[in-house]
mmCIF file of all heavy atoms, coordinates in Angstrom:
data_MODEL
# 
_entry.id   MODEL 
# 
loop_
_atom_site.group_PDB 
_atom_site.id 
_atom_site.type_symbol 
_atom_site.label_atom_id 
_atom_site.label_alt_id 
_atom_site.label_comp_id 
_atom_site.label_asym_id 
_atom_site.label_entity_id 
_atom_site.label_seq_id 
_atom_site.pdbx_PDB_ins_code 
_atom_site.Cartn_x 
_atom_site.Cartn_y 
_atom_site.Cartn_z 
_atom_site.occupancy 
_atom_site.B_iso_or_equiv 
_atom_site.pdbx_formal_charge 
_atom_site.auth_seq_id 
_atom_site.auth_comp_id 
_atom_site.auth_asym_id 
_atom_site.auth_atom_id 
_atom_site.pdbx_PDB_model_num 
ATOM 1   N N   . PHE A 1 1  ? 18.482  -3.248 8.035   1.00 0.00 ? 1  PHE A N   1 
ATOM 2   C CA  . PHE A 1 1  ? 17.889  -3.983 6.926   1.00 0.00 ? 1  PHE A CA  1 
ATOM 3   C C   . PHE A 1 1  ? 16.437  -4.353 7.241   1.00 0.00 ? 1  PHE A C   1 
ATOM 4   O O   . PHE A 1 1  ? 15.550  -4.191 6.397   1.00 0.00 ? 1  PHE A O   1 
ATOM 5   C CB  . PHE A 1 1  ? 18.710  -5.231 6.621   1.00 0.00 ? 1  PHE A CB  1 
ATOM 6   C CG  . PHE A 1 1  ? 18.177  -6.033 5.478   1.00 0.00 ? 1  PHE A CG  1 
ATOM 7   C CD1 . PHE A 1 1  ? 18.248  -5.556 4.178   1.00 0.00 ? 1  PHE A CD1 1 
ATOM 8   C CD2 . PHE A 1 1  ? 17.588  -7.265 5.695   1.00 0.00 ? 1  PHE A CD2 1 
ATOM 9   C CE1 . PHE A 1 1  ? 17.744  -6.290 3.119   1.00 0.00 ? 1  PHE A CE1 1 
ATOM 10  C CE2 . PHE A 1 1  ? 17.088  -8.009 4.643   1.00 0.00 ? 1  PHE A CE2 1 
ATOM 11  C CZ  . PHE A 1 1  ? 17.162  -7.518 3.357   1.00 0.00 ? 1  PHE A CZ  1 
ATOM 12  N N   . ILE A 1 2  ? 16.187  -4.826 8.449   1.00 0.00 ? 2  ILE A N   1 
ATOM 13  C CA  . ILE A 1 2  ? 14.820  -5.188 8.856   1.00 0.00 ? 2  ILE A CA  1 
ATOM 14  C C   . ILE A 1 2  ? 13.915  -3.962 8.818   1.00 0.00 ? 2  ILE A C   1 
ATOM 15  O O   . ILE A 1 2  ? 12.788  -4.021 8.322   1.00 0.00 ? 2  ILE A O   1 
ATOM 16  C CB  . ILE A 1 2  ? 14.824  -5.843 10.256  1.00 0.00 ? 2  ILE A CB  1 
ATOM 17  C CG1 . ILE A 1 2  ? 15.460  -7.231 10.178  1.00 0.00 ? 2  ILE A CG1 1 
ATOM 18  C CG2 . ILE A 1 2  ? 13.407  -5.935 10.826  1.00 0.00 ? 2  ILE A CG2 1 
ATOM 19  C CD1 . ILE A 1 2  ? 15.719  -7.887 11.517  1.00 0.00 ? 2  ILE A CD1 1 
ATOM 20  N N   . GLN A 1 3  ? 14.406  -2.821 9.312   1.00 0.00 ? 3  GLN A N   1 
ATOM 21  C CA  . GLN A 1 3  ? 13.617  -1.592 9.282   1.00 0.00 ? 3  GLN A CA  1 
ATOM 22  C C   . GLN A 1 3  ? 13.313  -1.174 7.846   1.00 0.00 ? 3  GLN A C   1 
ATOM 23  O O   . GLN A 1 3  ? 12.196  -0.736 7.535   1.00 0.00 ? 3  GLN A O   1 
ATOM 24  C CB  . GLN A 1 3  ? 14.354  -0.466 10.007  1.00 0.00 ? 3  GLN A CB  1 
ATOM 25  C CG  . GLN A 1 3  ? 14.414  -0.645 11.502  1.00 0.00 ? 3  GLN A CG  1 
ATOM 26  C CD  . GLN A 1 3  ? 15.283  0.421  12.176  1.00 0.00 ? 3  GLN A CD  1 
ATOM 27  O OE1 . GLN A 1 3  ? 15.859  1.275  11.503  1.00 0.00 ? 3  GLN A OE1 1 
ATOM 28  N NE2 . GLN A 1 3  ? 15.388  0.353  13.491  1.00 0.00 ? 3  GLN A NE2 1 
ATOM 29  N N   . LEU A 1 4  ? 14.293  -1.299 6.980   1.00 0.00 ? 4  LEU A N   1 
ATOM 30  C CA  . LEU A 1 4  ? 14.104  -0.944 5.576   1.00 0.00 ? 4  LEU A CA  1 
ATOM 31  C C   . LEU A 1 4  ? 13.042  -1.827 4.928   1.00 0.00 ? 4  LEU A C   1 
ATOM 32  O O   . LEU A 1 4  ? 12.147  -1.338 4.233   1.00 0.00 ? 4  LEU A O   1 
ATOM 33  C CB  . LEU A 1 4  ? 15.424  -1.064 4.819   1.00 0.00 ? 4  LEU A CB  1 
ATOM 34  C CG  . LEU A 1 4  ? 15.385  -0.788 3.325   1.00 0.00 ? 4  LEU A CG  1 
ATOM 35  C CD1 . LEU A 1 4  ? 15.008  0.664  3.064   1.00 0.00 ? 4  LEU A CD1 1 
ATOM 36  C CD2 . LEU A 1 4  ? 16.719  -1.114 2.699   1.00 0.00 ? 4  LEU A CD2 1 
ATOM 37  N N   . VAL A 1 5  ? 13.121  -3.122 5.171   1.00 0.00 ? 5  VAL A N   1 
ATOM 38  C CA  . VAL A 1 5  ? 12.143  -4.052 4.608   1.00 0.00 ? 5  VAL A CA  1 
ATOM 39  C C   . VAL A 1 5  ? 10.747  -3.743 5.147   1.00 0.00 ? 5  VAL A C   1 
ATOM 40  O O   . VAL A 1 5  ? 9.766   -3.734 4.390   1.00 0.00 ? 5  VAL A O   1 
ATOM 41  C CB  . VAL A 1 5  ? 12.543  -5.515 4.905   1.00 0.00 ? 5  VAL A CB  1 
ATOM 42  C CG1 . VAL A 1 5  ? 11.417  -6.472 4.572   1.00 0.00 ? 5  VAL A CG1 1 
ATOM 43  C CG2 . VAL A 1 5  ? 13.797  -5.888 4.134   1.00 0.00 ? 5  VAL A CG2 1 
ATOM 44  N N   . GLN A 1 6  ? 10.628  -3.443 6.432   1.00 0.00 ? 6  GLN A N   1 
ATOM 45  C CA  . GLN A 1 6  ? 9.331   -3.107 7.011   1.00 0.00 ? 6  GLN A CA  1 
ATOM 46  C C   . GLN A 1 6  ? 8.778   -1.818 6.409   1.00 0.00 ? 6  GLN A C   1 
ATOM 47  O O   . GLN A 1 6  ? 7.589   -1.715 6.115   1.00 0.00 ? 6  GLN A O   1 
ATOM 48  C CB  . GLN A 1 6  ? 9.445   -2.968 8.532   1.00 0.00 ? 6  GLN A CB  1 
ATOM 49  C CG  . GLN A 1 6  ? 9.629   -4.292 9.237   1.00 0.00 ? 6  GLN A CG  1 
ATOM 50  C CD  . GLN A 1 6  ? 9.877   -4.137 10.732  1.00 0.00 ? 6  GLN A CD  1 
ATOM 51  O OE1 . GLN A 1 6  ? 10.277  -3.079 11.202  1.00 0.00 ? 6  GLN A OE1 1 
ATOM 52  N NE2 . GLN A 1 6  ? 9.655   -5.218 11.464  1.00 0.00 ? 6  GLN A NE2 1 
ATOM 53  N N   . ARG A 1 7  ? 9.632   -0.841 6.188   1.00 0.00 ? 7  ARG A N   1 
ATOM 54  C CA  . ARG A 1 7  ? 9.202   0.427  5.595   1.00 0.00 ? 7  ARG A CA  1 
ATOM 55  C C   . ARG A 1 7  ? 8.722   0.212  4.162   1.00 0.00 ? 7  ARG A C   1 
ATOM 56  O O   . ARG A 1 7  ? 7.692   0.749  3.750   1.00 0.00 ? 7  ARG A O   1 
ATOM 57  C CB  . ARG A 1 7  ? 10.353  1.420  5.622   1.00 0.00 ? 7  ARG A CB  1 
ATOM 58  C CG  . ARG A 1 7  ? 9.914   2.839  5.359   1.00 0.00 ? 7  ARG A CG  1 
ATOM 59  C CD  . ARG A 1 7  ? 11.027  3.835  5.559   1.00 0.00 ? 7  ARG A CD  1 
ATOM 60  N NE  . ARG A 1 7  ? 11.613  3.716  6.886   1.00 0.00 ? 7  ARG A NE  1 
ATOM 61  C CZ  . ARG A 1 7  ? 12.895  3.958  7.167   1.00 0.00 ? 7  ARG A CZ  1 
ATOM 62  N NH1 . ARG A 1 7  ? 13.724  4.338  6.207   1.00 0.00 ? 7  ARG A NH1 1 
ATOM 63  N NH2 . ARG A 1 7  ? 13.355  3.844  8.390   1.00 0.00 ? 7  ARG A NH2 1 
ATOM 64  N N   . ILE A 1 8  ? 9.456   -0.591 3.405   1.00 0.00 ? 8  ILE A N   1 
ATOM 65  C CA  . ILE A 1 8  ? 9.056   -0.895 2.023   1.00 0.00 ? 8  ILE A CA  1 
ATOM 66  C C   . ILE A 1 8  ? 7.716   -1.631 2.015   1.00 0.00 ? 8  ILE A C   1 
ATOM 67  O O   . ILE A 1 8  ? 6.833   -1.322 1.213   1.00 0.00 ? 8  ILE A O   1 
ATOM 68  C CB  . ILE A 1 8  ? 10.150  -1.716 1.308   1.00 0.00 ? 8  ILE A CB  1 
ATOM 69  C CG1 . ILE A 1 8  ? 11.380  -0.851 1.062   1.00 0.00 ? 8  ILE A CG1 1 
ATOM 70  C CG2 . ILE A 1 8  ? 9.625   -2.304 0.000   1.00 0.00 ? 8  ILE A CG2 1 
ATOM 71  C CD1 . ILE A 1 8  ? 12.591  -1.619 0.580   1.00 0.00 ? 8  ILE A CD1 1 
ATOM 72  N N   . ASN A 1 9  ? 7.570   -2.589 2.923   1.00 0.00 ? 9  ASN A N   1 
ATOM 73  C CA  . ASN A 1 9  ? 6.329   -3.355 3.018   1.00 0.00 ? 9  ASN A CA  1 
ATOM 74  C C   . ASN A 1 9  ? 5.148   -2.446 3.363   1.00 0.00 ? 9  ASN A C   1 
ATOM 75  O O   . ASN A 1 9  ? 4.073   -2.550 2.761   1.00 0.00 ? 9  ASN A O   1 
ATOM 76  C CB  . ASN A 1 9  ? 6.469   -4.456 4.067   1.00 0.00 ? 9  ASN A CB  1 
ATOM 77  C CG  . ASN A 1 9  ? 5.316   -5.424 4.043   1.00 0.00 ? 9  ASN A CG  1 
ATOM 78  O OD1 . ASN A 1 9  ? 4.727   -5.666 3.006   1.00 0.00 ? 9  ASN A OD1 1 
ATOM 79  N ND2 . ASN A 1 9  ? 4.985   -5.966 5.198   1.00 0.00 ? 9  ASN A ND2 1 
ATOM 80  N N   . THR A 1 10 ? 5.344   -1.533 4.300   1.00 0.00 ? 10 THR A N   1 
ATOM 81  C CA  . THR A 1 10 ? 4.286   -0.608 4.694   1.00 0.00 ? 10 THR A CA  1 
ATOM 82  C C   . THR A 1 10 ? 3.877   0.280  3.530   1.00 0.00 ? 10 THR A C   1 
ATOM 83  O O   . THR A 1 10 ? 2.685   0.483  3.269   1.00 0.00 ? 10 THR A O   1 
ATOM 84  C CB  . THR A 1 10 ? 4.741   0.269  5.887   1.00 0.00 ? 10 THR A CB  1 
ATOM 85  O OG1 . THR A 1 10 ? 5.093   -0.590 6.977   1.00 0.00 ? 10 THR A OG1 1 
ATOM 86  C CG2 . THR A 1 10 ? 3.651   1.217  6.322   1.00 0.00 ? 10 THR A CG2 1 
ATOM 87  N N   . ARG A 1 11 ? 4.851   0.810  2.806   1.00 0.00 ? 11 ARG A N   1 
ATOM 88  C CA  . ARG A 1 11 ? 4.546   1.662  1.643   1.00 0.00 ? 11 ARG A CA  1 
ATOM 89  C C   . ARG A 1 11 ? 3.791   0.878  0.577   1.00 0.00 ? 11 ARG A C   1 
ATOM 90  O O   . ARG A 1 11 ? 2.842   1.379  -0.025  1.00 0.00 ? 11 ARG A O   1 
ATOM 91  C CB  . ARG A 1 11 ? 5.823   2.229  1.045   1.00 0.00 ? 11 ARG A CB  1 
ATOM 92  C CG  . ARG A 1 11 ? 6.423   3.339  1.849   1.00 0.00 ? 11 ARG A CG  1 
ATOM 93  C CD  . ARG A 1 11 ? 7.648   3.888  1.173   1.00 0.00 ? 11 ARG A CD  1 
ATOM 94  N NE  . ARG A 1 11 ? 8.316   4.867  2.022   1.00 0.00 ? 11 ARG A NE  1 
ATOM 95  C CZ  . ARG A 1 11 ? 9.510   5.361  1.778   1.00 0.00 ? 11 ARG A CZ  1 
ATOM 96  N NH1 . ARG A 1 11 ? 10.182  4.982  0.703   1.00 0.00 ? 11 ARG A NH1 1 
ATOM 97  N NH2 . ARG A 1 11 ? 10.038  6.241  2.592   1.00 0.00 ? 11 ARG A NH2 1 
ATOM 98  N N   . ALA A 1 12 ? 4.220   -0.352 0.342   1.00 0.00 ? 12 ALA A N   1 
ATOM 99  C CA  . ALA A 1 12 ? 3.561   -1.178 -0.672  1.00 0.00 ? 12 ALA A CA  1 
ATOM 100 C C   . ALA A 1 12 ? 2.110   -1.459 -0.268  1.00 0.00 ? 12 ALA A C   1 
ATOM 101 O O   . ALA A 1 12 ? 1.203   -1.384 -1.103  1.00 0.00 ? 12 ALA A O   1 
ATOM 102 C CB  . ALA A 1 12 ? 4.327   -2.481 -0.867  1.00 0.00 ? 12 ALA A CB  1 
ATOM 103 N N   . GLU A 1 13 ? 1.887   -1.779 1.000   1.00 0.00 ? 13 GLU A N   1 
ATOM 104 C CA  . GLU A 1 13 ? 0.526   -2.044 1.472   1.00 0.00 ? 13 GLU A CA  1 
ATOM 105 C C   . GLU A 1 13 ? -0.347  -0.802 1.319   1.00 0.00 ? 13 GLU A C   1 
ATOM 106 O O   . GLU A 1 13 ? -1.487  -0.891 0.870   1.00 0.00 ? 13 GLU A O   1 
ATOM 107 C CB  . GLU A 1 13 ? 0.543   -2.489 2.929   1.00 0.00 ? 13 GLU A CB  1 
ATOM 108 C CG  . GLU A 1 13 ? 1.012   -3.903 3.130   1.00 0.00 ? 13 GLU A CG  1 
ATOM 109 C CD  . GLU A 1 13 ? 1.057   -4.310 4.597   1.00 0.00 ? 13 GLU A CD  1 
ATOM 110 O OE1 . GLU A 1 13 ? 0.656   -3.498 5.461   1.00 0.00 ? 13 GLU A OE1 1 
ATOM 111 O OE2 . GLU A 1 13 ? 1.489   -5.429 4.881   1.00 0.00 ? 13 GLU A OE2 1 
ATOM 112 N N   . LYS A 1 14 ? 0.189   0.357  1.689   1.00 0.00 ? 14 LYS A N   1 
ATOM 113 C CA  . LYS A 1 14 ? -0.583  1.595  1.565   1.00 0.00 ? 14 LYS A CA  1 
ATOM 114 C C   . LYS A 1 14 ? -0.927  1.884  0.110   1.00 0.00 ? 14 LYS A C   1 
ATOM 115 O O   . LYS A 1 14 ? -2.033  2.317  -0.207  1.00 0.00 ? 14 LYS A O   1 
ATOM 116 C CB  . LYS A 1 14 ? 0.190   2.775  2.164   1.00 0.00 ? 14 LYS A CB  1 
ATOM 117 C CG  . LYS A 1 14 ? 0.213   2.776  3.667   1.00 0.00 ? 14 LYS A CG  1 
ATOM 118 C CD  . LYS A 1 14 ? 0.964   3.979  4.207   1.00 0.00 ? 14 LYS A CD  1 
ATOM 119 C CE  . LYS A 1 14 ? 1.029   3.947  5.719   1.00 0.00 ? 14 LYS A CE  1 
ATOM 120 N NZ  . LYS A 1 14 ? 1.784   5.087  6.260   1.00 0.00 ? 14 LYS A NZ  1 
ATOM 121 N N   . LYS A 1 15 ? 0.028   1.635  -0.773  1.00 0.00 ? 15 LYS A N   1 
ATOM 122 C CA  . LYS A 1 15 ? -0.208  1.881  -2.192  1.00 0.00 ? 15 LYS A CA  1 
ATOM 123 C C   . LYS A 1 15 ? -1.295  0.950  -2.729  1.00 0.00 ? 15 LYS A C   1 
ATOM 124 O O   . LYS A 1 15 ? -2.210  1.396  -3.424  1.00 0.00 ? 15 LYS A O   1 
ATOM 125 C CB  . LYS A 1 15 ? 1.081   1.687  -2.989  1.00 0.00 ? 15 LYS A CB  1 
ATOM 126 C CG  . LYS A 1 15 ? 0.938   2.009  -4.446  1.00 0.00 ? 15 LYS A CG  1 
ATOM 127 C CD  . LYS A 1 15 ? 2.243   1.915  -5.186  1.00 0.00 ? 15 LYS A CD  1 
ATOM 128 C CE  . LYS A 1 15 ? 2.052   2.257  -6.651  1.00 0.00 ? 15 LYS A CE  1 
ATOM 129 N NZ  . LYS A 1 15 ? 3.298   2.220  -7.391  1.00 0.00 ? 15 LYS A NZ  1 
ATOM 130 N N   . VAL A 1 16 ? -1.208  -0.326 -2.384  1.00 0.00 ? 16 VAL A N   1 
ATOM 131 C CA  . VAL A 1 16 ? -2.200  -1.293 -2.848  1.00 0.00 ? 16 VAL A CA  1 
ATOM 132 C C   . VAL A 1 16 ? -3.575  -0.948 -2.277  1.00 0.00 ? 16 VAL A C   1 
ATOM 133 O O   . VAL A 1 16 ? -4.580  -0.963 -2.996  1.00 0.00 ? 16 VAL A O   1 
ATOM 134 C CB  . VAL A 1 16 ? -1.787  -2.733 -2.456  1.00 0.00 ? 16 VAL A CB  1 
ATOM 135 C CG1 . VAL A 1 16 ? -2.928  -3.707 -2.664  1.00 0.00 ? 16 VAL A CG1 1 
ATOM 136 C CG2 . VAL A 1 16 ? -0.581  -3.165 -3.263  1.00 0.00 ? 16 VAL A CG2 1 
ATOM 137 N N   . GLU A 1 17 ? -3.637  -0.619 -0.986  1.00 0.00 ? 17 GLU A N   1 
ATOM 138 C CA  . GLU A 1 17 ? -4.908  -0.261 -0.375  1.00 0.00 ? 17 GLU A CA  1 
ATOM 139 C C   . GLU A 1 17 ? -5.485  1.002  -1.017  1.00 0.00 ? 17 GLU A C   1 
ATOM 140 O O   . GLU A 1 17 ? -6.691  1.101  -1.241  1.00 0.00 ? 17 GLU A O   1 
ATOM 141 C CB  . GLU A 1 17 ? -4.739  -0.060 1.128   1.00 0.00 ? 17 GLU A CB  1 
ATOM 142 C CG  . GLU A 1 17 ? -4.522  -1.358 1.875   1.00 0.00 ? 17 GLU A CG  1 
ATOM 143 C CD  . GLU A 1 17 ? -4.149  -1.143 3.339   1.00 0.00 ? 17 GLU A CD  1 
ATOM 144 O OE1 . GLU A 1 17 ? -4.066  0.026  3.783   1.00 0.00 ? 17 GLU A OE1 1 
ATOM 145 O OE2 . GLU A 1 17 ? -3.945  -2.149 4.037   1.00 0.00 ? 17 GLU A OE2 1 
ATOM 146 N N   . GLY A 1 18 ? -4.625  1.957  -1.318  1.00 0.00 ? 18 GLY A N   1 
ATOM 147 C CA  . GLY A 1 18 ? -5.084  3.180  -1.963  1.00 0.00 ? 18 GLY A CA  1 
ATOM 148 C C   . GLY A 1 18 ? -5.658  2.919  -3.338  1.00 0.00 ? 18 GLY A C   1 
ATOM 149 O O   . GLY A 1 18 ? -6.710  3.466  -3.701  1.00 0.00 ? 18 GLY A O   1 
ATOM 150 N N   . GLU A 1 19 ? -4.982  2.093  -4.113  1.00 0.00 ? 19 GLU A N   1 
ATOM 151 C CA  . GLU A 1 19 ? -5.476  1.749  -5.449  1.00 0.00 ? 19 GLU A CA  1 
ATOM 152 C C   . GLU A 1 19 ? -6.800  0.999  -5.358  1.00 0.00 ? 19 GLU A C   1 
ATOM 153 O O   . GLU A 1 19 ? -7.726  1.248  -6.128  1.00 0.00 ? 19 GLU A O   1 
ATOM 154 C CB  . GLU A 1 19 ? -4.444  0.893  -6.196  1.00 0.00 ? 19 GLU A CB  1 
ATOM 155 C CG  . GLU A 1 19 ? -3.183  1.628  -6.569  1.00 0.00 ? 19 GLU A CG  1 
ATOM 156 C CD  . GLU A 1 19 ? -3.416  2.722  -7.591  1.00 0.00 ? 19 GLU A CD  1 
ATOM 157 O OE1 . GLU A 1 19 ? -4.237  2.518  -8.513  1.00 0.00 ? 19 GLU A OE1 1 
ATOM 158 O OE2 . GLU A 1 19 ? -2.789  3.784  -7.461  1.00 0.00 ? 19 GLU A OE2 1 
ATOM 159 N N   . PHE A 1 20 ? -6.884  0.083  -4.403  1.00 0.00 ? 20 PHE A N   1 
ATOM 160 C CA  . PHE A 1 20 ? -8.112  -0.692 -4.217  1.00 0.00 ? 20 PHE A CA  1 
ATOM 161 C C   . PHE A 1 20 ? -9.262  0.235  -3.824  1.00 0.00 ? 20 PHE A C   1 
ATOM 162 O O   . PHE A 1 20 ? -10.370 0.120  -4.350  1.00 0.00 ? 20 PHE A O   1 
ATOM 163 C CB  . PHE A 1 20 ? -7.890  -1.763 -3.140  1.00 0.00 ? 20 PHE A CB  1 
ATOM 164 C CG  . PHE A 1 20 ? -9.052  -2.685 -2.956  1.00 0.00 ? 20 PHE A CG  1 
ATOM 165 C CD1 . PHE A 1 20 ? -9.384  -3.606 -3.930  1.00 0.00 ? 20 PHE A CD1 1 
ATOM 166 C CD2 . PHE A 1 20 ? -9.811  -2.640 -1.801  1.00 0.00 ? 20 PHE A CD2 1 
ATOM 167 C CE1 . PHE A 1 20 ? -10.455 -4.457 -3.770  1.00 0.00 ? 20 PHE A CE1 1 
ATOM 168 C CE2 . PHE A 1 20 ? -10.882 -3.490 -1.627  1.00 0.00 ? 20 PHE A CE2 1 
ATOM 169 C CZ  . PHE A 1 20 ? -11.209 -4.400 -2.606  1.00 0.00 ? 20 PHE A CZ  1 
ATOM 170 N N   . THR A 1 21 ? -8.987  1.174  -2.932  1.00 0.00 ? 21 THR A N   1 
ATOM 171 C CA  . THR A 1 21 ? -10.006 2.125  -2.500  1.00 0.00 ? 21 THR A CA  1 
ATOM 172 C C   . THR A 1 21 ? -10.465 2.992  -3.661  1.00 0.00 ? 21 THR A C   1 
ATOM 173 O O   . THR A 1 21 ? -11.662 3.238  -3.828  1.00 0.00 ? 21 THR A O   1 
ATOM 174 C CB  . THR A 1 21 ? -9.462  3.019  -1.364  1.00 0.00 ? 21 THR A CB  1 
ATOM 175 O OG1 . THR A 1 21 ? -9.034  2.182  -0.288  1.00 0.00 ? 21 THR A OG1 1 
ATOM 176 C CG2 . THR A 1 21 ? -10.511 3.974  -0.861  1.00 0.00 ? 21 THR A CG2 1 
ATOM 177 N N   . LYS A 1 22 ? -9.517  3.456  -4.484  1.00 0.00 ? 22 LYS A N   1 
ATOM 178 C CA  . LYS A 1 22 ? -9.885  4.251  -5.655  1.00 0.00 ? 22 LYS A CA  1 
ATOM 179 C C   . LYS A 1 22 ? -10.781 3.457  -6.597  1.00 0.00 ? 22 LYS A C   1 
ATOM 180 O O   . LYS A 1 22 ? -11.763 3.979  -7.113  1.00 0.00 ? 22 LYS A O   1 
ATOM 181 C CB  . LYS A 1 22 ? -8.634  4.706  -6.411  1.00 0.00 ? 22 LYS A CB  1 
ATOM 182 C CG  . LYS A 1 22 ? -8.087  6.019  -5.942  1.00 0.00 ? 22 LYS A CG  1 
ATOM 183 C CD  . LYS A 1 22 ? -7.131  6.597  -6.968  1.00 0.00 ? 22 LYS A CD  1 
ATOM 184 C CE  . LYS A 1 22 ? -5.772  5.980  -6.794  1.00 0.00 ? 22 LYS A CE  1 
ATOM 185 N NZ  . LYS A 1 22 ? -4.750  6.520  -7.684  1.00 0.00 ? 22 LYS A NZ  1 
ATOM 186 N N   . ASP A 1 23 ? -10.434 2.195  -6.816  1.00 0.00 ? 23 ASP A N   1 
ATOM 187 C CA  . ASP A 1 23 ? -11.235 1.353  -7.705  1.00 0.00 ? 23 ASP A CA  1 
ATOM 188 C C   . ASP A 1 23 ? -12.638 1.158  -7.148  1.00 0.00 ? 23 ASP A C   1 
ATOM 189 O O   . ASP A 1 23 ? -13.617 1.184  -7.888  1.00 0.00 ? 23 ASP A O   1 
ATOM 190 C CB  . ASP A 1 23 ? -10.565 -0.001 -7.915  1.00 0.00 ? 23 ASP A CB  1 
ATOM 191 C CG  . ASP A 1 23 ? -9.342  0.079  -8.803  1.00 0.00 ? 23 ASP A CG  1 
ATOM 192 O OD1 . ASP A 1 23 ? -9.176  1.120  -9.480  1.00 0.00 ? 23 ASP A OD1 1 
ATOM 193 O OD2 . ASP A 1 23 ? -8.555  -0.876 -8.804  1.00 0.00 ? 23 ASP A OD2 1 
ATOM 194 N N   . LEU A 1 24 ? -12.749 0.953  -5.839  1.00 0.00 ? 24 LEU A N   1 
ATOM 195 C CA  . LEU A 1 24 ? -14.068 0.775  -5.236  1.00 0.00 ? 24 LEU A CA  1 
ATOM 196 C C   . LEU A 1 24 ? -14.904 2.039  -5.338  1.00 0.00 ? 24 LEU A C   1 
ATOM 197 O O   . LEU A 1 24 ? -16.111 1.976  -5.563  1.00 0.00 ? 24 LEU A O   1 
ATOM 198 C CB  . LEU A 1 24 ? -13.938 0.365  -3.761  1.00 0.00 ? 24 LEU A CB  1 
ATOM 199 C CG  . LEU A 1 24 ? -13.662 -1.097 -3.495  1.00 0.00 ? 24 LEU A CG  1 
ATOM 200 C CD1 . LEU A 1 24 ? -13.552 -1.342 -2.001  1.00 0.00 ? 24 LEU A CD1 1 
ATOM 201 C CD2 . LEU A 1 24 ? -14.739 -1.986 -4.079  1.00 0.00 ? 24 LEU A CD2 1 
ATOM 202 N N   . LYS A 1 25 ? -14.273 3.192  -5.176  1.00 0.00 ? 25 LYS A N   1 
ATOM 203 C CA  . LYS A 1 25 ? -15.019 4.447  -5.261  1.00 0.00 ? 25 LYS A CA  1 
ATOM 204 C C   . LYS A 1 25 ? -15.544 4.679  -6.673  1.00 0.00 ? 25 LYS A C   1 
ATOM 205 O O   . LYS A 1 25 ? -16.602 5.273  -6.853  1.00 0.00 ? 25 LYS A O   1 
ATOM 206 C CB  . LYS A 1 25 ? -14.128 5.623  -4.832  1.00 0.00 ? 25 LYS A CB  1 
ATOM 207 C CG  . LYS A 1 25 ? -13.911 5.670  -3.342  1.00 0.00 ? 25 LYS A CG  1 
ATOM 208 C CD  . LYS A 1 25 ? -13.038 6.852  -2.961  1.00 0.00 ? 25 LYS A CD  1 
ATOM 209 C CE  . LYS A 1 25 ? -12.791 6.847  -1.467  1.00 0.00 ? 25 LYS A CE  1 
ATOM 210 N NZ  . LYS A 1 25 ? -11.889 7.944  -1.071  1.00 0.00 ? 25 LYS A NZ  1 
ATOM 211 N N   . ARG A 1 26 ? -14.796 4.237  -7.683  1.00 0.00 ? 26 ARG A N   1 
ATOM 212 C CA  . ARG A 1 26 ? -15.221 4.423  -9.072  1.00 0.00 ? 26 ARG A CA  1 
ATOM 213 C C   . ARG A 1 26 ? -16.341 3.473  -9.468  1.00 0.00 ? 26 ARG A C   1 
ATOM 214 O O   . ARG A 1 26 ? -17.077 3.716  -10.406 1.00 0.00 ? 26 ARG A O   1 
ATOM 215 C CB  . ARG A 1 26 ? -14.040 4.220  -10.012 1.00 0.00 ? 26 ARG A CB  1 
ATOM 216 C CG  . ARG A 1 26 ? -13.092 5.380  -10.040 1.00 0.00 ? 26 ARG A CG  1 
ATOM 217 C CD  . ARG A 1 26 ? -12.128 5.192  -11.169 1.00 0.00 ? 26 ARG A CD  1 
ATOM 218 N NE  . ARG A 1 26 ? -11.399 3.939  -10.979 1.00 0.00 ? 26 ARG A NE  1 
ATOM 219 C CZ  . ARG A 1 26 ? -10.126 3.767  -11.226 1.00 0.00 ? 26 ARG A CZ  1 
ATOM 220 N NH1 . ARG A 1 26 ? -9.415  4.760  -11.708 1.00 0.00 ? 26 ARG A NH1 1 
ATOM 221 N NH2 . ARG A 1 26 ? -9.537  2.614  -11.032 1.00 0.00 ? 26 ARG A NH2 1 
ATOM 222 N N   . LEU A 1 27 ? -16.437 2.358  -8.773  1.00 0.00 ? 27 LEU A N   1 
ATOM 223 C CA  . LEU A 1 27 ? -17.401 1.328  -9.126  1.00 0.00 ? 27 LEU A CA  1 
ATOM 224 C C   . LEU A 1 27 ? -18.798 1.725  -8.658  1.00 0.00 ? 27 LEU A C   1 
ATOM 225 O O   . LEU A 1 27 ? -19.020 1.965  -7.482  1.00 0.00 ? 27 LEU A O   1 
ATOM 226 C CB  . LEU A 1 27 ? -16.979 0.003  -8.480  1.00 0.00 ? 27 LEU A CB  1 
ATOM 227 C CG  . LEU A 1 27 ? -17.769 -1.230 -8.815  1.00 0.00 ? 27 LEU A CG  1 
ATOM 228 C CD1 . LEU A 1 27 ? -17.639 -1.518 -10.311 1.00 0.00 ? 27 LEU A CD1 1 
ATOM 229 C CD2 . LEU A 1 27 ? -17.242 -2.407 -8.026  1.00 0.00 ? 27 LEU A CD2 1 
# 
């Protein structure tokens, strides 16, 4: 369960960082 939560958290962080990076590149 802990590994699953950590994996979900990592994916979510990568997704948010990716979206933020895309937004910065467009600006």
